[in-house]
Amino acid sequence: MTLTDQVTKNIVCKLLKSEDYRIEIVTLINAEFLQFAIDFFKKIIDAKLQSKDITIDWYKKAFLNPKLSAKEIAINSGLNKKTIHNMFNSSTKEIIIDASNEHYDLLYKSIQNLVDTEDELELTLTIKFKGVSVDLNVSESLIVINTLAVKRAELRGGLWSTAGKKVEKPLMKSLCKLYQVPENNYDASHFVKNKRKKVDREIDFYLLNNDKQYLCEVKLMGKGNPESADAIIARGTNVFIADTLSQQNKNQCDQLGINWIALRGENGYKKFGEILHKLNIPYVNYYGNLDNDLPEILDELFLTKE
């Protein structure tokens, strides 16, 4: 589950050009999920054919096998590692195996109750590969469908989170390059947690002016999750950059003296120049063409990245 450099570049370009970047993530989720589904179906055929049982135990023996990775076992049971960690405050393999087996048994029991209740329902999932086919009954089919749904959700959550983290610094550096901000007037150092501190949060980016540091934070948020903006605002942010901001978020930032940029607004990135001027950060107004300049800037950034 990775976000390639090219996808990151595409997202930065779309953000700065006031375009919707989400299709990049959705496309990646689709590709990852479809590949998982194909591989999963191949494993089902193999496990089903090797099983000597006529019960659903073939699935549990093959897909909750302790020899598999903890991540695989959790997904195959209908859970994921993050959920298990939240439940037990730990995600050791032993705990994941126990939690996965317990959850699977409960899931299968629920499916059996549903099948018994909906006794008129007929469902057969047939999987064919290289001339070999297996049929899954209602219970088996529902377990497989549930596993696919859990995997899709895991991919979705992981990739959206990864996108936000990987785009922050390239986006800020691109803005600084567009406006020719001297390198000694910003700090994008790699974050290293200081274990001696009780509270040590990762900082996205700083604009610098002599002895003054201005905290900049990026949030790829939509209007449907204003709580994300509240959390950023509460951290003492000086410059807040988002994909979209509600009018309430904008008013809140204005009231608290926080400089904001809503990139989805027309030429939204241009407000960066106004902020630099306000903070007395050296810069040169940008009048160039993003289509021409951004690819060159991003290629340079990713060529020299740490």
Protein backbone atom coordinates (compact mmCIF):
# COMPACT_ATOMS: atom_id res chain seq x y z
CA MET A 1 0.00 0.00 0.00
CA THR A 2 2.20 2.79 -1.29
CA LEU A 3 1.81 6.27 -2.69
CA THR A 4 4.30 6.58 -5.53
CA ASP A 5 6.29 9.74 -6.18
CA GLN A 6 4.39 10.26 -9.43
CA VAL A 7 1.01 10.08 -7.68
CA THR A 8 2.27 12.55 -5.05
CA LYS A 9 3.40 14.92 -7.80
CA ASN A 10 0.02 14.62 -9.50
CA ILE A 11 -1.80 15.46 -6.26
CA VAL A 12 0.35 18.54 -5.61
CA CYS A 13 -0.22 19.75 -9.17
CA LYS A 14 -3.98 19.30 -8.91
CA LEU A 15 -4.11 21.07 -5.52
CA LEU A 16 -2.18 24.11 -6.71
CA LYS A 17 -4.23 24.28 -9.92
CA SER A 18 -7.48 24.29 -7.89
CA GLU A 19 -8.46 20.87 -9.24
CA ASP A 20 -9.88 17.91 -7.35
CA TYR A 21 -7.06 15.54 -6.39
CA ARG A 22 -9.24 12.70 -5.08
CA ILE A 23 -9.36 10.75 -8.33
CA GLU A 24 -5.64 10.02 -7.87
CA ILE A 25 -6.29 8.28 -4.55
CA VAL A 26 -9.45 6.53 -5.74
CA THR A 27 -7.60 5.14 -8.76
CA LEU A 28 -4.84 3.80 -6.52
CA ILE A 29 -7.37 2.25 -4.11
CA ASN A 30 -9.13 0.55 -7.03
CA ALA A 31 -5.88 -0.85 -8.40
CA GLU A 32 -4.73 -2.16 -5.00
CA PHE A 33 -8.13 -3.64 -4.18
CA LEU A 34 -8.68 -5.37 -7.51
CA GLN A 35 -5.24 -6.97 -7.34
CA PHE A 36 -5.99 -8.16 -3.80
CA ALA A 37 -9.35 -9.59 -4.92
CA ILE A 38 -7.77 -11.55 -7.79
CA ASP A 39 -5.05 -12.97 -5.54
CA PHE A 40 -7.61 -13.77 -2.82
CA PHE A 41 -9.85 -15.67 -5.25
CA LYS A 42 -6.87 -17.74 -6.44
CA LYS A 43 -6.07 -18.66 -2.82
CA ILE A 44 -9.73 -19.61 -2.23
CA ILE A 45 -9.69 -22.02 -5.17
CA ASP A 46 -6.52 -23.66 -3.88
CA ALA A 47 -7.77 -23.90 -0.28
CA LYS A 48 -11.18 -25.22 -1.25
CA LEU A 49 -9.74 -27.89 -3.55
CA GLN A 50 -7.28 -29.10 -0.92
CA SER A 51 -9.92 -29.31 1.80
CA LYS A 52 -11.25 -32.74 2.72
CA ASP A 53 -14.00 -31.25 4.87
CA ILE A 54 -17.49 -30.50 3.72
CA THR A 55 -17.81 -27.78 6.33
CA ILE A 56 -16.65 -24.16 6.37
CA ASP A 57 -13.58 -25.20 8.38
CA TRP A 58 -11.56 -25.15 5.16
CA TYR A 59 -11.64 -21.35 5.22
CA LYS A 60 -10.57 -21.06 8.84
CA LYS A 61 -7.74 -23.56 8.44
CA ALA A 62 -6.37 -21.87 5.32
CA PHE A 63 -6.98 -18.19 6.00
CA LEU A 64 -6.54 -17.99 9.77
CA ASN A 65 -3.45 -20.16 9.67
CA PRO A 66 -0.92 -18.96 12.29
CA LYS A 67 1.80 -19.22 9.64
CA LEU A 68 0.29 -16.25 7.82
CA SER A 69 1.23 -12.70 8.73
CA ALA A 70 -0.72 -10.99 11.50
CA LYS A 71 -2.13 -8.51 9.00
CA GLU A 72 -3.43 -11.29 6.71
CA ILE A 73 -5.02 -13.21 9.58
CA ALA A 74 -6.82 -10.11 10.83
CA ILE A 75 -8.19 -9.18 7.40
CA ASN A 76 -9.25 -12.74 6.60
CA SER A 77 -11.22 -12.88 9.85
CA GLY A 78 -13.07 -9.67 9.01
CA LEU A 79 -10.99 -7.31 11.18
CA ASN A 80 -7.84 -5.24 10.75
CA LYS A 81 -4.78 -4.68 12.93
CA LYS A 82 -5.74 -1.13 13.86
CA THR A 83 -9.15 -2.24 15.15
CA ILE A 84 -7.58 -5.06 17.17
CA HIS A 85 -5.01 -2.69 18.63
CA ASN A 86 -7.76 -0.28 19.66
CA MET A 87 -9.68 -3.15 21.25
CA PHE A 88 -6.80 -4.67 23.22
CA ASN A 89 -4.27 -1.84 23.32
CA SER A 90 -1.84 -4.22 21.66
CA SER A 91 -1.32 -5.81 18.25
CA THR A 92 1.13 -8.63 18.93
CA LYS A 93 0.63 -11.63 16.69
CA GLU A 94 -0.65 -13.73 19.58
CA ILE A 95 -3.37 -11.23 20.38
CA ILE A 96 -4.27 -10.84 16.72
CA ILE A 97 -4.61 -14.60 16.29
CA ASP A 98 -6.84 -14.93 19.36
CA ALA A 99 -8.97 -11.91 18.46
CA SER A 100 -9.28 -13.01 14.83
CA ASN A 101 -10.38 -16.54 15.71
CA GLU A 102 -12.92 -15.28 18.22
CA HIS A 103 -14.30 -12.74 15.77
CA TYR A 104 -14.45 -15.25 12.94
CA ASP A 105 -16.47 -17.69 15.05
CA LEU A 106 -18.92 -14.91 15.96
CA LEU A 107 -19.12 -13.81 12.34
CA TYR A 108 -19.81 -17.31 11.12
CA LYS A 109 -22.48 -17.77 13.78
CA SER A 110 -24.16 -14.51 12.72
CA ILE A 111 -24.06 -15.59 9.08
CA GLN A 112 -25.59 -18.96 9.92
CA ASN A 113 -28.39 -17.28 11.85
CA LEU A 114 -29.02 -15.00 8.89
CA VAL A 115 -29.01 -17.89 6.43
CA ASP A 116 -31.43 -19.87 8.60
CA THR A 117 -33.75 -16.87 8.80
CA GLU A 118 -33.55 -16.08 5.09
CA ASP A 119 -34.06 -19.68 4.08
CA GLU A 120 -35.44 -18.71 0.66
CA LEU A 121 -32.21 -16.98 -0.29
CA GLU A 122 -30.03 -18.87 -2.76
CA LEU A 123 -26.52 -17.68 -3.47
CA THR A 124 -23.64 -19.50 -5.10
CA LEU A 125 -20.32 -17.85 -5.84
CA THR A 126 -18.43 -19.67 -8.58
CA ILE A 127 -14.73 -18.95 -9.02
CA LYS A 128 -12.92 -20.28 -12.09
CA PHE A 129 -9.20 -20.14 -12.82
CA LYS A 130 -7.25 -22.04 -15.49
CA GLY A 131 -10.10 -24.41 -16.14
CA VAL A 132 -10.63 -25.22 -12.47
CA SER A 133 -13.70 -23.97 -10.64
CA VAL A 134 -15.12 -24.10 -7.12
CA ASP A 135 -18.58 -23.23 -5.86
CA LEU A 136 -19.13 -21.42 -2.57
CA ASN A 137 -22.45 -21.72 -0.77
CA VAL A 138 -24.29 -18.83 0.88
CA SER A 139 -22.29 -18.88 4.12
CA GLU A 140 -18.94 -19.21 2.36
CA SER A 141 -19.84 -16.49 -0.12
CA LEU A 142 -20.84 -14.04 2.63
CA ILE A 143 -17.58 -14.65 4.50
CA VAL A 144 -15.59 -13.96 1.33
CA ILE A 145 -17.64 -10.83 0.56
CA ASN A 146 -17.12 -9.58 4.11
CA THR A 147 -13.35 -10.08 3.84
CA LEU A 148 -13.26 -8.12 0.59
CA ALA A 149 -15.25 -5.30 2.20
CA VAL A 150 -12.86 -5.13 5.17
CA LYS A 151 -9.84 -5.07 2.86
CA ARG A 152 -11.35 -2.26 0.79
CA ALA A 153 -11.98 -0.22 3.94
CA GLU A 154 -8.43 -0.81 5.17
CA LEU A 155 -6.95 0.28 1.85
CA ARG A 156 -9.16 3.35 1.76
CA GLY A 157 -8.24 4.50 5.26
CA GLY A 158 -4.55 3.79 4.83
CA LEU A 159 -4.12 5.47 1.46
CA TRP A 160 -6.07 8.62 2.37
CA SER A 161 -3.97 8.98 5.51
CA THR A 162 -0.74 8.31 3.59
CA ALA A 163 -1.69 10.85 0.93
CA GLY A 164 -2.15 13.62 3.47
CA LYS A 165 1.22 12.94 5.11
CA LYS A 166 3.24 12.55 1.91
CA VAL A 167 1.84 15.64 0.19
CA GLU A 168 2.38 18.18 3.01
CA LYS A 169 6.06 19.02 2.55
CA PRO A 170 6.18 18.82 -1.30
CA LEU A 171 3.19 21.15 -1.41
CA MET A 172 4.75 23.72 0.93
CA LYS A 173 8.14 23.50 -0.77
CA SER A 174 6.48 23.95 -4.17
CA LEU A 175 4.75 27.11 -2.96
CA CYS A 176 8.06 28.44 -1.64
CA LYS A 177 9.78 27.65 -4.94
CA LEU A 178 7.03 29.35 -6.95
CA TYR A 179 7.44 32.49 -4.84
CA GLN A 180 11.24 32.22 -4.71
CA VAL A 181 11.35 32.16 -0.90
CA PRO A 182 15.01 31.79 0.17
CA GLU A 183 15.76 28.38 1.67
CA ASN A 184 16.88 29.94 4.95
CA ASN A 185 13.37 31.36 5.34
CA TYR A 186 11.65 28.00 5.69
CA ASP A 187 12.25 24.76 7.55
CA ALA A 188 11.03 21.39 6.33
CA SER A 189 13.36 19.25 8.44
CA HIS A 190 12.52 15.58 8.82
CA PHE A 191 10.62 15.05 12.06
CA VAL A 192 12.35 12.96 14.73
CA LYS A 193 10.38 12.21 17.87
CA ASN A 194 12.03 13.33 21.11
CA LYS A 195 11.20 10.58 23.62
CA ARG A 196 12.29 12.81 26.50
CA LYS A 197 9.33 15.09 25.88
CA LYS A 198 5.91 14.20 27.28
CA VAL A 199 4.25 15.84 24.27
CA ASP A 200 6.12 15.89 20.97
CA ARG A 201 3.89 16.38 17.93
CA GLU A 202 4.99 16.21 14.34
CA ILE A 203 5.19 19.63 12.74
CA ASP A 204 4.55 20.02 9.03
CA PHE A 205 6.50 23.12 8.02
CA TYR A 206 7.86 26.41 9.36
CA LEU A 207 8.23 29.78 7.66
CA LEU A 208 11.10 31.72 9.23
CA ASN A 209 11.76 35.42 9.69
CA ASN A 210 14.85 36.18 11.76
CA ASP A 211 14.04 34.70 15.18
CA LYS A 212 10.35 34.17 14.43
CA GLN A 213 8.92 30.79 13.46
CA TYR A 214 5.52 30.51 11.82
CA LEU A 215 3.95 27.07 11.99
CA CYS A 216 2.34 25.98 8.72
CA GLU A 217 0.00 23.00 8.52
CA VAL A 218 -1.64 21.29 5.58
CA LYS A 219 -4.90 19.35 5.73
CA LEU A 220 -6.44 17.70 2.68
CA MET A 221 -9.93 18.04 4.07
CA GLY A 222 -13.36 18.53 2.58
CA LYS A 223 -16.23 20.60 3.90
CA GLY A 224 -17.74 17.51 5.48
CA ASN A 225 -15.15 17.19 8.26
CA PRO A 226 -14.79 20.58 10.00
CA GLU A 227 -13.49 18.88 13.14
CA SER A 228 -10.18 18.40 11.34
CA ALA A 229 -9.84 22.14 11.03
CA ASP A 230 -10.68 22.59 14.72
CA ALA A 231 -7.84 20.26 15.69
CA ILE A 232 -5.33 22.13 13.53
CA ILE A 233 -6.48 25.52 14.80
CA ALA A 234 -6.10 24.35 18.40
CA ARG A 235 -2.39 23.60 17.83
CA GLY A 236 -1.43 27.25 17.52
CA THR A 237 -1.04 27.18 13.74
CA ASN A 238 0.04 30.39 11.99
CA VAL A 239 -0.64 29.34 8.40
CA PHE A 240 -3.36 26.80 7.64
CA ILE A 241 -3.59 25.36 4.12
CA ALA A 242 -6.51 23.14 3.14
CA ASP A 243 -8.13 21.77 0.03
CA THR A 244 -11.47 23.31 0.99
CA LEU A 245 -12.64 25.31 4.00
CA SER A 246 -16.18 26.12 5.05
CA GLN A 247 -17.09 29.74 5.63
CA GLN A 248 -17.31 28.94 9.32
CA ASN A 249 -13.71 27.65 9.29
CA LYS A 250 -12.56 30.78 7.48
CA ASN A 251 -14.36 33.03 9.96
CA GLN A 252 -12.86 31.07 12.84
CA CYS A 253 -9.35 31.45 11.43
CA ASP A 254 -9.86 35.17 10.84
CA GLN A 255 -11.10 35.64 14.39
CA LEU A 256 -8.04 33.85 15.81
CA GLY A 257 -5.56 35.61 13.52
CA ILE A 258 -4.67 32.45 11.60
CA ASN A 259 -3.69 32.92 7.96
CA TRP A 260 -5.55 30.47 5.74
CA ILE A 261 -5.51 29.25 2.16
CA ALA A 262 -8.34 27.29 0.53
CA LEU A 263 -6.70 25.79 -2.53
CA ARG A 264 -9.93 24.82 -4.29
CA GLY A 265 -10.88 28.47 -4.60
CA GLU A 266 -10.03 30.10 -7.93
CA ASN A 267 -6.25 30.63 -7.94
CA GLY A 268 -6.37 29.77 -4.26
CA TYR A 269 -2.61 29.31 -4.03
CA LYS A 270 -2.05 33.03 -4.78
CA LYS A 271 -3.04 33.93 -1.24
CA PHE A 272 0.35 32.51 -0.24
CA GLY A 273 1.98 35.66 -1.59
CA GLU A 274 -0.27 37.83 0.59
CA ILE A 275 0.65 35.76 3.65
CA LEU A 276 4.37 36.00 2.91
CA HIS A 277 4.01 39.78 2.65
CA LYS A 278 2.09 39.95 5.92
CA LEU A 279 4.71 37.84 7.75
CA ASN A 280 7.55 39.86 6.20
CA ILE A 281 9.04 36.76 4.56
CA PRO A 282 11.21 37.56 1.48
CA TYR A 283 9.53 36.49 -1.77
CA VAL A 284 8.94 37.38 -5.42
CA ASN A 285 5.38 37.54 -6.74
CA TYR A 286 4.59 34.66 -9.04
CA TYR A 287 3.16 35.43 -12.50
CA GLY A 288 4.28 32.31 -14.29
CA ASN A 289 2.45 29.32 -15.75
CA LEU A 290 1.80 26.43 -13.35
CA ASP A 291 1.59 23.90 -16.17
CA ASN A 292 5.14 24.78 -17.19
CA ASP A 293 6.74 25.47 -13.82
CA LEU A 294 5.28 22.86 -11.45
CA PRO A 295 6.58 19.72 -13.21
CA GLU A 296 10.11 21.15 -13.20
CA ILE A 297 9.89 22.16 -9.52
CA LEU A 298 8.49 18.80 -8.44
CA ASP A 299 11.05 16.83 -10.44
CA GLU A 300 13.77 18.81 -8.68
CA LEU A 301 12.20 18.30 -5.24
CA PHE A 302 11.85 14.55 -5.62
CA LEU A 303 15.28 14.20 -7.15
CA THR A 304 16.89 15.81 -4.10
CA LYS A 305 14.51 14.56 -1.38
CA GLU A 306 15.94 12.89 1.68
